């Protein structure tokens, strides 16, 4: 008797499974099609918003949002087709029960996602900008919704969570086209300070390639010790690292030659 009941139950379950296969197959096809459809919708959004926003990052945010919404809607539709008893009300009830647990489990993910959306919308920096965060400095390669990817100047890839990018101080070195460079020169005493300044200023204003004419370069006196005089040299050049390092090499080379010709000795 027990065997007959078990066989009857198994037979009923098999029939239900066979009857559900078409619905499950349809749901699977919807999921497969959603991946392709979401990419197409993202492409349409990116193409449709080209040139309409001042920042490229804002277009990326809209494209990713459209992609995510499409995937979420298709998943709900596939679940409804595969399991007719599944409704939006069931989903809301499930989320109400498990929302707290999921919130604690994925707190960092949600925090990084929201920070990424805010970064993309507020646009504090853009792709190809050179930034510094904590001990990392490099060029922004990609701004994702979860993290920001930078390439360091020695060509290493660093993935920084967006929550750090949003809550910590970020130095954007290329926010402006030019930046001021400072180099402290220590000239041995005794020294004619006025003469040393004239020699350095003449070298700075001799038309060194890459040195900006406005604002003008200058040399100051900030410290006089017993055995040397500290003269900070200030000039403006391109804010990109590869450019200002080359200009710095030219400036220091020209100043060094000028001081040597003027018989001034560096400490």
Protein backbone atom coordinates (compact mmCIF):
# COMPACT_ATOMS: atom_id res chain seq x y z
CA UNK A 1 0.00 0.00 0.00
CA UNK A 2 2.80 2.43 0.92
CA UNK A 3 4.65 1.58 -2.31
CA UNK A 4 1.54 2.32 -4.37
CA UNK A 5 1.14 5.70 -2.68
CA UNK A 6 4.78 6.54 -3.28
CA UNK A 7 4.57 5.52 -6.96
CA UNK A 8 1.42 7.57 -7.38
CA UNK A 9 3.11 10.62 -5.84
CA UNK A 10 6.19 10.19 -8.04
CA UNK A 11 3.99 9.80 -11.13
CA UNK A 12 2.13 13.01 -10.25
CA UNK A 13 5.37 14.89 -9.68
CA UNK A 14 6.72 13.67 -13.03
CA UNK A 15 3.59 14.81 -14.81
CA UNK A 16 3.81 18.22 -13.16
CA UNK A 17 7.46 18.49 -14.15
CA UNK A 18 6.73 17.56 -17.76
CA UNK A 19 3.86 20.03 -17.84
CA UNK A 20 6.15 22.77 -16.45
CA UNK A 21 9.01 22.14 -18.90
CA UNK A 22 7.58 24.37 -21.67
CA UNK A 23 7.12 27.23 -19.21
CA UNK A 24 10.62 26.79 -17.77
CA UNK A 25 12.04 26.63 -21.30
CA UNK A 26 10.21 29.81 -22.22
CA UNK A 27 11.59 31.50 -19.11
CA UNK A 28 15.12 30.40 -20.01
CA UNK A 29 14.72 31.79 -23.53
CA UNK A 30 13.55 35.09 -22.05
CA UNK A 31 16.67 35.24 -19.87
CA UNK A 32 18.93 34.51 -22.83
CA UNK A 33 17.17 37.12 -24.95
CA UNK A 34 17.34 39.65 -22.10
CA UNK A 35 21.14 39.66 -22.16
CA UNK A 36 21.16 40.57 -25.86
CA UNK A 37 18.25 42.99 -25.52
CA UNK A 38 19.82 44.80 -22.56
CA UNK A 39 23.03 45.37 -24.55
CA UNK A 40 21.01 46.77 -27.45
CA UNK A 41 19.05 49.10 -25.16
CA UNK A 42 22.27 50.31 -23.56
CA UNK A 43 23.71 50.99 -27.02
CA UNK A 44 20.57 52.91 -28.02
CA UNK A 45 20.70 55.01 -24.83
CA UNK A 46 24.39 55.80 -25.30
CA UNK A 47 23.88 56.67 -28.95
CA UNK A 48 20.74 58.69 -28.25
CA UNK A 49 22.41 60.76 -25.53
CA UNK A 50 25.62 61.44 -27.48
CA UNK A 51 26.36 65.15 -27.38
CA UNK A 52 23.41 65.95 -25.11
CA UNK A 53 25.35 65.99 -21.85
CA UNK A 54 28.46 67.87 -20.91
CA UNK A 55 30.11 64.86 -19.29
CA UNK A 56 30.77 61.45 -20.77
CA UNK A 57 30.37 59.83 -17.35
CA UNK A 58 26.72 60.87 -17.19
CA UNK A 59 26.02 59.04 -20.45
CA UNK A 60 27.73 55.95 -19.04
CA UNK A 61 25.54 56.12 -15.93
CA UNK A 62 22.36 56.29 -18.00
CA UNK A 63 23.49 53.41 -20.19
CA UNK A 64 24.29 51.17 -17.23
CA UNK A 65 21.05 52.09 -15.50
CA UNK A 66 19.06 51.18 -18.61
CA UNK A 67 20.97 47.88 -18.87
CA UNK A 68 20.32 46.96 -15.22
CA UNK A 69 16.61 47.87 -15.36
CA UNK A 70 16.13 45.81 -18.53
CA UNK A 71 17.78 42.75 -16.95
CA UNK A 72 15.70 43.11 -13.76
CA UNK A 73 12.40 43.43 -15.66
CA UNK A 74 13.22 40.43 -17.87
CA UNK A 75 14.08 38.31 -14.82
CA UNK A 76 10.71 39.14 -13.25
CA UNK A 77 8.92 38.36 -16.50
CA UNK A 78 10.78 35.04 -16.88
CA UNK A 79 9.93 34.07 -13.30
CA UNK A 80 6.25 34.87 -13.92
CA UNK A 81 6.18 32.78 -17.10
CA UNK A 82 8.04 29.84 -15.55
CA UNK A 83 6.08 29.85 -12.28
CA UNK A 84 2.54 31.21 -12.68
CA UNK A 85 2.07 31.28 -8.90
CA UNK A 86 4.90 33.82 -8.65
CA UNK A 87 3.63 37.41 -8.43
CA UNK A 88 5.04 40.84 -7.66
CA UNK A 89 3.31 40.61 -4.28
CA UNK A 90 5.26 37.43 -3.54
CA UNK A 91 8.47 39.20 -4.45
CA UNK A 92 7.68 42.15 -2.17
CA UNK A 93 6.87 39.77 0.68
CA UNK A 94 10.10 37.87 0.11
CA UNK A 95 12.10 41.09 0.06
CA UNK A 96 10.41 42.24 3.24
CA UNK A 97 11.47 39.08 5.04
CA UNK A 98 15.01 38.86 3.72
CA UNK A 99 15.78 42.53 3.06
CA UNK A 100 17.55 43.10 6.35
CA UNK A 101 19.75 40.03 5.94
CA UNK A 102 20.62 40.91 2.35
CA UNK A 103 21.27 44.51 3.35
CA UNK A 104 23.86 43.48 5.95
CA UNK A 105 25.41 40.85 3.69
CA UNK A 106 25.82 43.18 0.70
CA UNK A 107 26.27 46.48 2.54
CA UNK A 108 29.65 47.19 1.01
CA UNK A 109 28.42 46.32 -2.50
CA UNK A 110 25.42 48.63 -2.20
CA UNK A 111 27.58 51.38 -0.73
CA UNK A 112 30.07 51.15 -3.59
CA UNK A 113 27.26 51.03 -6.15
CA UNK A 114 25.56 54.17 -4.81
CA UNK A 115 28.91 55.97 -4.53
CA UNK A 116 29.68 55.00 -8.14
CA UNK A 117 26.37 56.43 -9.37
CA UNK A 118 27.02 59.68 -7.49
CA UNK A 119 30.56 59.89 -8.92
CA UNK A 120 29.23 59.36 -12.43
CA UNK A 121 26.55 62.01 -11.93
CA UNK A 122 28.66 64.66 -10.18
CA UNK A 123 31.75 64.03 -12.35
CA UNK A 124 34.53 65.10 -9.94
CA UNK A 125 37.03 63.55 -12.37
CA UNK A 126 36.89 61.95 -15.80
CA UNK A 127 38.54 59.13 -17.68
CA UNK A 128 42.17 60.00 -18.56
CA UNK A 129 42.44 62.39 -15.60
CA UNK A 130 45.48 61.92 -13.38
CA UNK A 131 44.47 61.58 -9.73
CA UNK A 132 45.93 60.71 -6.34
CA UNK A 133 44.04 58.75 -3.66
CA UNK A 134 45.81 57.70 -0.46
CA UNK A 135 49.14 56.25 -1.61
CA UNK A 136 47.97 55.56 -5.18
CA UNK A 137 48.57 57.96 -8.06
CA UNK A 138 47.87 57.37 -11.72
CA UNK A 139 45.56 57.83 -14.69
CA UNK A 140 41.85 57.01 -14.52
CA UNK A 141 41.20 54.14 -16.94
CA UNK A 142 37.59 53.25 -16.12
CA UNK A 143 34.84 54.44 -13.78
CA UNK A 144 32.60 51.49 -12.92
CA UNK A 145 29.53 51.49 -10.71
CA UNK A 146 31.46 49.42 -8.15
CA UNK A 147 35.02 50.70 -8.39
CA UNK A 148 37.34 53.11 -10.18
CA UNK A 149 40.28 51.65 -12.08
CA UNK A 150 43.50 53.65 -12.34
CA UNK A 151 46.77 52.86 -14.07
CA UNK A 152 49.77 53.93 -12.00
CA UNK A 153 52.69 55.70 -13.63
CA UNK A 154 54.75 52.51 -13.46
CA UNK A 155 51.91 50.70 -15.31
CA UNK A 156 50.21 48.79 -12.52
CA UNK A 157 46.43 48.51 -12.33
CA UNK A 158 44.75 49.57 -9.08
CA UNK A 159 41.04 48.98 -8.44
CA UNK A 160 39.75 51.41 -5.78
CA UNK A 161 36.26 50.93 -4.28
CA UNK A 162 33.98 53.85 -5.10
CA UNK A 163 33.09 54.29 -1.44
CA UNK A 164 36.72 55.30 -0.86
CA UNK A 165 36.67 57.57 -3.90
CA UNK A 166 33.55 59.29 -2.57
CA UNK A 167 34.49 59.65 1.11
CA UNK A 168 38.25 60.28 0.94
CA UNK A 169 40.18 63.24 -0.43
CA UNK A 170 40.97 62.83 -4.14
CA UNK A 171 43.59 65.07 -5.74
CA UNK A 172 42.83 65.65 -9.43
CA UNK A 173 46.18 66.77 -10.84
CA UNK A 174 44.81 67.45 -14.33
CA UNK A 175 41.71 69.38 -13.27
CA UNK A 176 43.40 72.47 -14.73
CA UNK A 177 45.61 72.63 -17.84
CA UNK A 178 48.64 74.00 -15.98
CA UNK A 179 50.15 73.71 -12.51
CA UNK A 180 52.81 75.46 -10.48
CA UNK A 181 56.07 73.66 -9.88
CA UNK A 182 58.44 74.49 -7.00
CA UNK A 183 62.05 73.47 -6.52
CA UNK A 184 64.12 74.63 -3.54
CA UNK A 185 67.71 75.55 -4.40
CA UNK A 186 70.23 75.79 -1.59
CA UNK A 187 73.12 78.09 -2.57
CA UNK A 188 76.23 78.01 -0.42
CA UNK A 189 77.06 81.12 1.60
CA UNK A 190 78.60 83.62 1.45
CA UNK A 191 76.58 84.63 -1.62
CA UNK A 192 75.33 87.78 -3.29
CA UNK A 193 71.61 87.01 -3.01
CA UNK A 194 70.50 89.65 -5.50
CA UNK A 195 73.02 88.45 -8.07
CA UNK A 196 72.01 84.80 -7.58
CA UNK A 197 68.34 85.72 -8.06
CA UNK A 198 69.17 87.63 -11.26
CA UNK A 199 71.07 84.66 -12.68
CA UNK A 200 68.27 82.20 -11.88
CA UNK A 201 65.55 84.56 -13.16
CA UNK A 202 67.46 85.09 -16.40
CA UNK A 203 67.63 81.34 -16.92
CA UNK A 204 63.90 80.96 -16.19
CA UNK A 205 62.94 83.70 -18.63
CA UNK A 206 65.28 82.58 -21.41
CA UNK A 207 62.46 80.80 -23.26
CA UNK A 208 62.69 77.29 -21.83
CA UNK A 209 60.31 75.06 -23.79
CA UNK A 210 57.24 74.12 -21.73
CA UNK A 211 57.53 76.94 -19.15
CA UNK A 212 54.40 79.10 -19.22
CA UNK A 213 54.86 82.83 -19.71
CA UNK A 214 51.70 83.59 -17.71
CA UNK A 215 51.87 83.38 -14.75
CA UNK A 216 55.52 84.31 -14.90
CA UNK A 217 58.25 82.25 -13.31
CA UNK A 218 59.90 83.65 -10.18
CA UNK A 219 62.58 83.03 -7.58
CA UNK A 220 62.24 83.92 -3.88
CA UNK A 221 64.24 83.88 -0.67
CA UNK A 222 62.64 81.92 2.17
CA UNK A 223 65.49 80.85 4.42
CA UNK A 224 68.98 82.04 5.33
CA UNK A 225 71.05 79.62 7.35
CA UNK A 226 74.66 79.96 8.40
CA UNK A 227 76.07 78.01 5.48
CA UNK A 228 73.46 78.41 2.71
CA UNK A 229 70.55 80.42 1.35
CA UNK A 230 67.38 78.62 0.25
CA UNK A 231 65.87 80.00 -2.96
CA UNK A 232 62.57 78.42 -4.09
CA UNK A 233 62.18 78.52 -7.87
CA UNK A 234 58.56 78.69 -9.11
CA UNK A 235 57.31 78.17 -12.64
CA UNK A 236 54.14 76.99 -14.41
CA UNK A 237 53.91 74.13 -16.88
CA UNK A 238 51.50 71.48 -18.15
CA UNK A 239 49.68 69.61 -15.38
CA UNK A 240 50.24 66.18 -16.96
CA UNK A 241 53.03 64.25 -15.27
CA UNK A 242 54.91 63.22 -18.42
CA UNK A 243 55.02 66.87 -19.53
CA UNK A 244 55.99 68.62 -16.31
CA UNK A 245 58.77 66.13 -15.51
CA UNK A 246 60.39 66.89 -18.87
CA UNK A 247 60.00 70.64 -18.29
CA UNK A 248 61.44 70.28 -14.78
CA UNK A 249 64.49 68.57 -16.25
CA UNK A 250 64.97 71.47 -18.69
CA UNK A 251 64.50 74.12 -15.99
CA UNK A 252 66.93 72.56 -13.52
CA UNK A 253 69.47 71.94 -16.27
CA UNK A 254 69.32 75.58 -17.40
CA UNK A 255 69.54 76.91 -13.83
CA UNK A 256 72.43 74.60 -12.99
CA UNK A 257 74.40 75.77 -16.01
CA UNK A 258 73.64 79.43 -15.24
CA UNK A 259 74.74 79.11 -11.61
CA UNK A 260 77.93 77.33 -12.64
CA UNK A 261 78.72 80.09 -15.13
CA UNK A 262 78.09 82.70 -12.45
CA UNK A 263 80.39 80.85 -10.04
CA UNK A 264 77.59 80.07 -7.58
CA UNK A 265 77.85 76.77 -5.73
CA UNK A 266 74.86 74.66 -4.65
CA UNK A 267 74.86 73.28 -1.14
